[in-house]
Amino acid sequence: MKESIPRPKSKFLKVLCTKCNNEQTIFNKSSSVVKCLVCGAELANPTGGKAKVKTKVIQVME
């Protein structure tokens, strides 16, 4: 059965910084480098589509 309202393919991710263990929410299709708000470590890099996540994903929020 086809849905009347299509769901978006992009999602938000809750990730854990490997350096300082800070939990942070990021967008999975970010167009810029995402850094940790506490220590400044890179969490994700843009690739033109989905971002390449460099850290552990805790939860995918739909």
PDB file of N, CA and C in Angstrom:
ATOM      1  N   MET A   1       0.842  -1.177   0.000  1.00  0.00           N
ATOM      2  CA  MET A   1       0.000   0.000   0.000  1.00  0.00           C
ATOM      3  C   MET A   1       0.890   1.245   0.000  1.00  0.00           C
ATOM      4  N   LYS A   2       0.589   2.168  -0.856  1.00  0.00           N
ATOM      5  CA  LYS A   2       1.367   3.397  -0.959  1.00  0.00           C
ATOM      6  C   LYS A   2       0.920   4.400   0.097  1.00  0.00           C
ATOM      7  N   GLU A   3       1.897   5.035   0.748  1.00  0.00           N
ATOM      8  CA  GLU A   3       1.583   6.030   1.771  1.00  0.00           C
ATOM      9  C   GLU A   3       1.121   7.319   1.111  1.00  0.00           C
ATOM     10  N   SER A   4       0.151   7.979   1.725  1.00  0.00           N
ATOM     11  CA  SER A   4      -0.353   9.229   1.163  1.00  0.00           C
ATOM     12  C   SER A   4       0.642  10.366   1.384  1.00  0.00           C
ATOM     13  N   ILE A   5       1.378  10.323   2.502  1.00  0.00           N
ATOM     14  CA  ILE A   5       2.408  11.325   2.773  1.00  0.00           C
ATOM     15  C   ILE A   5       3.740  10.583   2.892  1.00  0.00           C
ATOM     16  N   PRO A   6       4.667  10.804   1.958  1.00  0.00           N
ATOM     17  CA  PRO A   6       5.938  10.082   2.028  1.00  0.00           C
ATOM     18  C   PRO A   6       6.794  10.537   3.207  1.00  0.00           C
ATOM     19  N   ARG A   7       7.510   9.602   3.791  1.00  0.00           N
ATOM     20  CA  ARG A   7       8.395   9.913   4.912  1.00  0.00           C
ATOM     21  C   ARG A   7       9.746  10.393   4.380  1.00  0.00           C
ATOM     22  N   PRO A   8      10.372  11.328   5.076  1.00  0.00           N
ATOM     23  CA  PRO A   8      11.691  11.785   4.630  1.00  0.00           C
ATOM     24  C   PRO A   8      12.739  10.693   4.825  1.00  0.00           C
ATOM     25  N   LYS A   9      13.760  10.701   3.969  1.00  0.00           N
ATOM     26  CA  LYS A   9      14.816   9.698   4.060  1.00  0.00           C
ATOM     27  C   LYS A   9      15.947  10.154   4.971  1.00  0.00           C
ATOM     28  N   SER A  10      15.954  11.417   5.339  1.00  0.00           N
ATOM     29  CA  SER A  10      16.988  11.920   6.231  1.00  0.00           C
ATOM     30  C   SER A  10      16.563  11.737   7.685  1.00  0.00           C
ATOM     31  N   LYS A  11      17.565  11.593   8.556  1.00  0.00           N
ATOM     32  CA  LYS A  11      17.282  11.331   9.960  1.00  0.00           C
ATOM     33  C   LYS A  11      18.265  12.083  10.839  1.00  0.00           C
ATOM     34  N   PHE A  12      17.929  12.184  12.106  1.00  0.00           N
ATOM     35  CA  PHE A  12      18.841  12.719  13.104  1.00  0.00           C
ATOM     36  C   PHE A  12      19.470  11.543  13.845  1.00  0.00           C
ATOM     37  N   LEU A  13      20.731  11.689  14.213  1.00  0.00           N
ATOM     38  CA  LEU A  13      21.462  10.638  14.903  1.00  0.00           C
ATOM     39  C   LEU A  13      21.946  11.148  16.251  1.00  0.00           C
ATOM     40  N   LYS A  14      21.824  10.331  17.271  1.00  0.00           N
ATOM     41  CA  LYS A  14      22.431  10.653  18.559  1.00  0.00           C
ATOM     42  C   LYS A  14      23.754   9.897  18.590  1.00  0.00           C
ATOM     43  N   VAL A  15      24.861  10.639  18.694  1.00  0.00           N
ATOM     44  CA  VAL A  15      26.187  10.042  18.646  1.00  0.00           C
ATOM     45  C   VAL A  15      26.936  10.300  19.947  1.00  0.00           C
ATOM     46  N   LEU A  16      27.978   9.519  20.175  1.00  0.00           N
ATOM     47  CA  LEU A  16      28.811   9.631  21.369  1.00  0.00           C
ATOM     48  C   LEU A  16      30.222   9.981  20.933  1.00  0.00           C
ATOM     49  N   CYS A  17      30.753  11.084  21.436  1.00  0.00           N
ATOM     50  CA  CYS A  17      32.114  11.506  21.112  1.00  0.00           C
ATOM     51  C   CYS A  17      33.085  10.504  21.734  1.00  0.00           C
ATOM     52  N   THR A  18      34.074  10.063  20.948  1.00  0.00           N
ATOM     53  CA  THR A  18      35.021   9.066  21.446  1.00  0.00           C
ATOM     54  C   THR A  18      36.052   9.671  22.390  1.00  0.00           C
ATOM     55  N   LYS A  19      36.264  10.976  22.319  1.00  0.00           N
ATOM     56  CA  LYS A  19      37.271  11.606  23.177  1.00  0.00           C
ATOM     57  C   LYS A  19      36.724  11.995  24.543  1.00  0.00           C
ATOM     58  N   CYS A  20      35.551  12.641  24.584  1.00  0.00           N
ATOM     59  CA  CYS A  20      35.050  13.172  25.860  1.00  0.00           C
ATOM     60  C   CYS A  20      33.738  12.529  26.314  1.00  0.00           C
ATOM     61  N   ASN A  21      33.215  11.556  25.565  1.00  0.00           N
ATOM     62  CA  ASN A  21      31.964  10.847  25.884  1.00  0.00           C
ATOM     63  C   ASN A  21      30.749  11.765  25.954  1.00  0.00           C
ATOM     64  N   ASN A  22      30.763  12.847  25.201  1.00  0.00           N
ATOM     65  CA  ASN A  22      29.624  13.751  25.130  1.00  0.00           C
ATOM     66  C   ASN A  22      28.599  13.198  24.142  1.00  0.00           C
ATOM     67  N   GLU A  23      27.338  13.168  24.539  1.00  0.00           N
ATOM     68  CA  GLU A  23      26.266  12.771  23.624  1.00  0.00           C
ATOM     69  C   GLU A  23      25.780  14.004  22.885  1.00  0.00           C
ATOM     70  N   GLN A  24      25.629  13.876  21.564  1.00  0.00           N
ATOM     71  CA  GLN A  24      25.239  15.015  20.742  1.00  0.00           C
ATOM     72  C   GLN A  24      24.339  14.530  19.618  1.00  0.00           C
ATOM     73  N   THR A  25      23.380  15.337  19.222  1.00  0.00           N
ATOM     74  CA  THR A  25      22.478  15.013  18.122  1.00  0.00           C
ATOM     75  C   THR A  25      22.975  15.713  16.861  1.00  0.00           C
ATOM     76  N   ILE A  26      23.124  14.929  15.773  1.00  0.00           N
ATOM     77  CA  ILE A  26      23.584  15.476  14.495  1.00  0.00           C
ATOM     78  C   ILE A  26      22.631  15.037  13.390  1.00  0.00           C
ATOM     79  N   PHE A  27      22.729  15.705  12.240  1.00  0.00           N
ATOM     80  CA  PHE A  27      21.913  15.398  11.070  1.00  0.00           C
ATOM     81  C   PHE A  27      22.702  14.444  10.183  1.00  0.00           C
ATOM     82  N   ASN A  28      22.060  13.392   9.657  1.00  0.00           N
ATOM     83  CA  ASN A  28      22.815  12.402   8.900  1.00  0.00           C
ATOM     84  C   ASN A  28      23.190  12.863   7.492  1.00  0.00           C
ATOM     85  N   LYS A  29      22.624  13.951   7.006  1.00  0.00           N
ATOM     86  CA  LYS A  29      22.981  14.478   5.692  1.00  0.00           C
ATOM     87  C   LYS A  29      23.547  15.889   5.821  1.00  0.00           C
ATOM     88  N   SER A  30      24.453  16.075   6.771  1.00  0.00           N
ATOM     89  CA  SER A  30      25.010  17.409   7.006  1.00  0.00           C
ATOM     90  C   SER A  30      25.897  17.836   5.834  1.00  0.00           C
ATOM     91  N   SER A  31      25.905  19.126   5.557  1.00  0.00           N
ATOM     92  CA  SER A  31      26.676  19.664   4.437  1.00  0.00           C
ATOM     93  C   SER A  31      27.946  20.371   4.903  1.00  0.00           C
ATOM     94  N   SER A  32      28.244  20.283   6.186  1.00  0.00           N
ATOM     95  CA  SER A  32      29.473  20.857   6.721  1.00  0.00           C
ATOM     96  C   SER A  32      30.035  19.919   7.792  1.00  0.00           C
ATOM     97  N   VAL A  33      31.275  20.148   8.172  1.00  0.00           N
ATOM     98  CA  VAL A  33      31.913  19.317   9.179  1.00  0.00           C
ATOM     99  C   VAL A  33      31.211  19.529  10.517  1.00  0.00           C
ATOM    100  N   VAL A  34      30.868  18.431  11.192  1.00  0.00           N
ATOM    101  CA  VAL A  34      30.210  18.499  12.493  1.00  0.00           C
ATOM    102  C   VAL A  34      31.259  18.210  13.557  1.00  0.00           C
ATOM    103  N   LYS A  35      31.392  19.136  14.515  1.00  0.00           N
ATOM    104  CA  LYS A  35      32.370  18.974  15.581  1.00  0.00           C
ATOM    105  C   LYS A  35      31.666  18.845  16.922  1.00  0.00           C
ATOM    106  N   CYS A  36      32.346  18.202  17.871  1.00  0.00           N
ATOM    107  CA  CYS A  36      31.833  18.060  19.220  1.00  0.00           C
ATOM    108  C   CYS A  36      31.779  19.438  19.864  1.00  0.00           C
ATOM    109  N   LEU A  37      30.696  19.713  20.568  1.00  0.00           N
ATOM    110  CA  LEU A  37      30.530  21.011  21.210  1.00  0.00           C
ATOM    111  C   LEU A  37      31.405  21.175  22.447  1.00  0.00           C
ATOM    112  N   VAL A  38      31.890  20.075  23.008  1.00  0.00           N
ATOM    113  CA  VAL A  38      32.694  20.139  24.229  1.00  0.00           C
ATOM    114  C   VAL A  38      34.189  20.185  23.909  1.00  0.00           C
ATOM    115  N   CYS A  39      34.686  19.199  23.137  1.00  0.00           N
ATOM    116  CA  CYS A  39      36.128  19.110  22.918  1.00  0.00           C
ATOM    117  C   CYS A  39      36.574  19.519  21.519  1.00  0.00           C
ATOM    118  N   GLY A  40      35.643  19.654  20.560  1.00  0.00           N
ATOM    119  CA  GLY A  40      35.997  20.086  19.212  1.00  0.00           C
ATOM    120  C   GLY A  40      36.426  18.979  18.273  1.00  0.00           C
ATOM    121  N   ALA A  41      36.306  17.726  18.665  1.00  0.00           N
ATOM    122  CA  ALA A  41      36.668  16.603  17.798  1.00  0.00           C
ATOM    123  C   ALA A  41      35.656  16.486  16.660  1.00  0.00           C
ATOM    124  N   GLU A  42      36.127  16.028  15.484  1.00  0.00           N
ATOM    125  CA  GLU A  42      35.232  15.866  14.336  1.00  0.00           C
ATOM    126  C   GLU A  42      34.352  14.637  14.536  1.00  0.00           C
ATOM    127  N   LEU A  43      33.046  14.835  14.386  1.00  0.00           N
ATOM    128  CA  LEU A  43      32.091  13.739  14.529  1.00  0.00           C
ATOM    129  C   LEU A  43      31.620  13.217  13.186  1.00  0.00           C
ATOM    130  N   ALA A  44      31.506  14.104  12.183  1.00  0.00           N
ATOM    131  CA  ALA A  44      31.033  13.697  10.867  1.00  0.00           C
ATOM    132  C   ALA A  44      31.585  14.633   9.799  1.00  0.00           C
ATOM    133  N   ASN A  45      31.819  14.065   8.609  1.00  0.00           N
ATOM    134  CA  ASN A  45      32.294  14.836   7.459  1.00  0.00           C
ATOM    135  C   ASN A  45      31.283  14.730   6.324  1.00  0.00           C
ATOM    136  N   PRO A  46      31.058  15.816   5.571  1.00  0.00           N
ATOM    137  CA  PRO A  46      30.117  15.758   4.455  1.00  0.00           C
ATOM    138  C   PRO A  46      30.715  14.975   3.279  1.00  0.00           C
ATOM    139  N   THR A  47      29.852  14.288   2.523  1.00  0.00           N
ATOM    140  CA  THR A  47      30.309  13.532   1.357  1.00  0.00           C
ATOM    141  C   THR A  47      29.498  13.864   0.110  1.00  0.00           C
ATOM    142  N   GLY A  48      28.583  14.805   0.186  1.00  0.00           N
ATOM    143  CA  GLY A  48      27.725  15.125  -0.946  1.00  0.00           C
ATOM    144  C   GLY A  48      26.331  14.541  -0.779  1.00  0.00           C
ATOM    145  N   GLY A  49      26.203  13.500   0.003  1.00  0.00           N
ATOM    146  CA  GLY A  49      24.910  12.889   0.324  1.00  0.00           C
ATOM    147  C   GLY A  49      24.837  12.710   1.815  1.00  0.00           C
ATOM    148  N   LYS A  50      24.878  11.458   2.231  1.00  0.00           N
ATOM    149  CA  LYS A  50      24.923  11.187   3.661  1.00  0.00           C
ATOM    150  C   LYS A  50      26.310  11.517   4.196  1.00  0.00           C
ATOM    151  N   ALA A  51      26.355  12.047   5.393  1.00  0.00           N
ATOM    152  CA  ALA A  51      27.635  12.386   6.011  1.00  0.00           C
ATOM    153  C   ALA A  51      28.321  11.116   6.503  1.00  0.00           C
ATOM    154  N   LYS A  52      29.655  11.121   6.473  1.00  0.00           N
ATOM    155  CA  LYS A  52      30.415  10.000   6.997  1.00  0.00           C
ATOM    156  C   LYS A  52      30.617  10.220   8.489  1.00  0.00           C
ATOM    157  N   VAL A  53      29.977   9.390   9.289  1.00  0.00           N
ATOM    158  CA  VAL A  53      30.031   9.521  10.747  1.00  0.00           C
ATOM    159  C   VAL A  53      31.300   8.831  11.231  1.00  0.00           C
ATOM    160  N   LYS A  54      32.110   9.566  12.011  1.00  0.00           N
ATOM    161  CA  LYS A  54      33.393   9.055  12.480  1.00  0.00           C
ATOM    162  C   LYS A  54      33.339   8.522  13.900  1.00  0.00           C
ATOM    163  N   THR A  55      32.188   8.504  14.519  1.00  0.00           N
ATOM    164  CA  THR A  55      32.061   8.114  15.911  1.00  0.00           C
ATOM    165  C   THR A  55      30.929   7.110  16.074  1.00  0.00           C
ATOM    166  N   LYS A  56      30.651   6.704  17.299  1.00  0.00           N
ATOM    167  CA  LYS A  56      29.640   5.683  17.572  1.00  0.00           C
ATOM    168  C   LYS A  56      28.242   6.277  17.565  1.00  0.00           C
ATOM    169  N   VAL A  57      27.337   5.644  16.817  1.00  0.00           N
ATOM    170  CA  VAL A  57      25.925   6.052  16.774  1.00  0.00           C
ATOM    171  C   VAL A  57      25.188   5.322  17.882  1.00  0.00           C
ATOM    172  N   ILE A  58      24.552   6.094  18.761  1.00  0.00           N
ATOM    173  CA  ILE A  58      23.805   5.511  19.881  1.00  0.00           C
ATOM    174  C   ILE A  58      22.366   5.208  19.486  1.00  0.00           C
ATOM    175  N   GLN A  59      21.734   6.180  18.776  1.00  0.00           N
ATOM    176  CA  GLN A  59      20.315   6.046  18.459  1.00  0.00           C
ATOM    177  C   GLN A  59      20.027   6.752  17.142  1.00  0.00           C
ATOM    178  N   VAL A  60      19.136   6.169  16.353  1.00  0.00           N
ATOM    179  CA  VAL A  60      18.645   6.783  15.127  1.00  0.00           C
ATOM    180  C   VAL A  60      17.233   7.280  15.412  1.00  0.00           C
ATOM    181  N   MET A  61      17.015   8.586  15.270  1.00  0.00           N
ATOM    182  CA  MET A  61      15.706   9.170  15.543  1.00  0.00           C
ATOM    183  C   MET A  61      14.962   9.374  14.230  1.00  0.00           C
ATOM    184  N   GLU A  62      13.778   8.795  14.125  1.00  0.00           N
ATOM    185  CA  GLU A  62      13.001   8.891  12.884  1.00  0.00           C
ATOM    186  C   GLU A  62      11.905   9.899  12.983  1.00  0.00           C
TER     187      GLU A  62
END
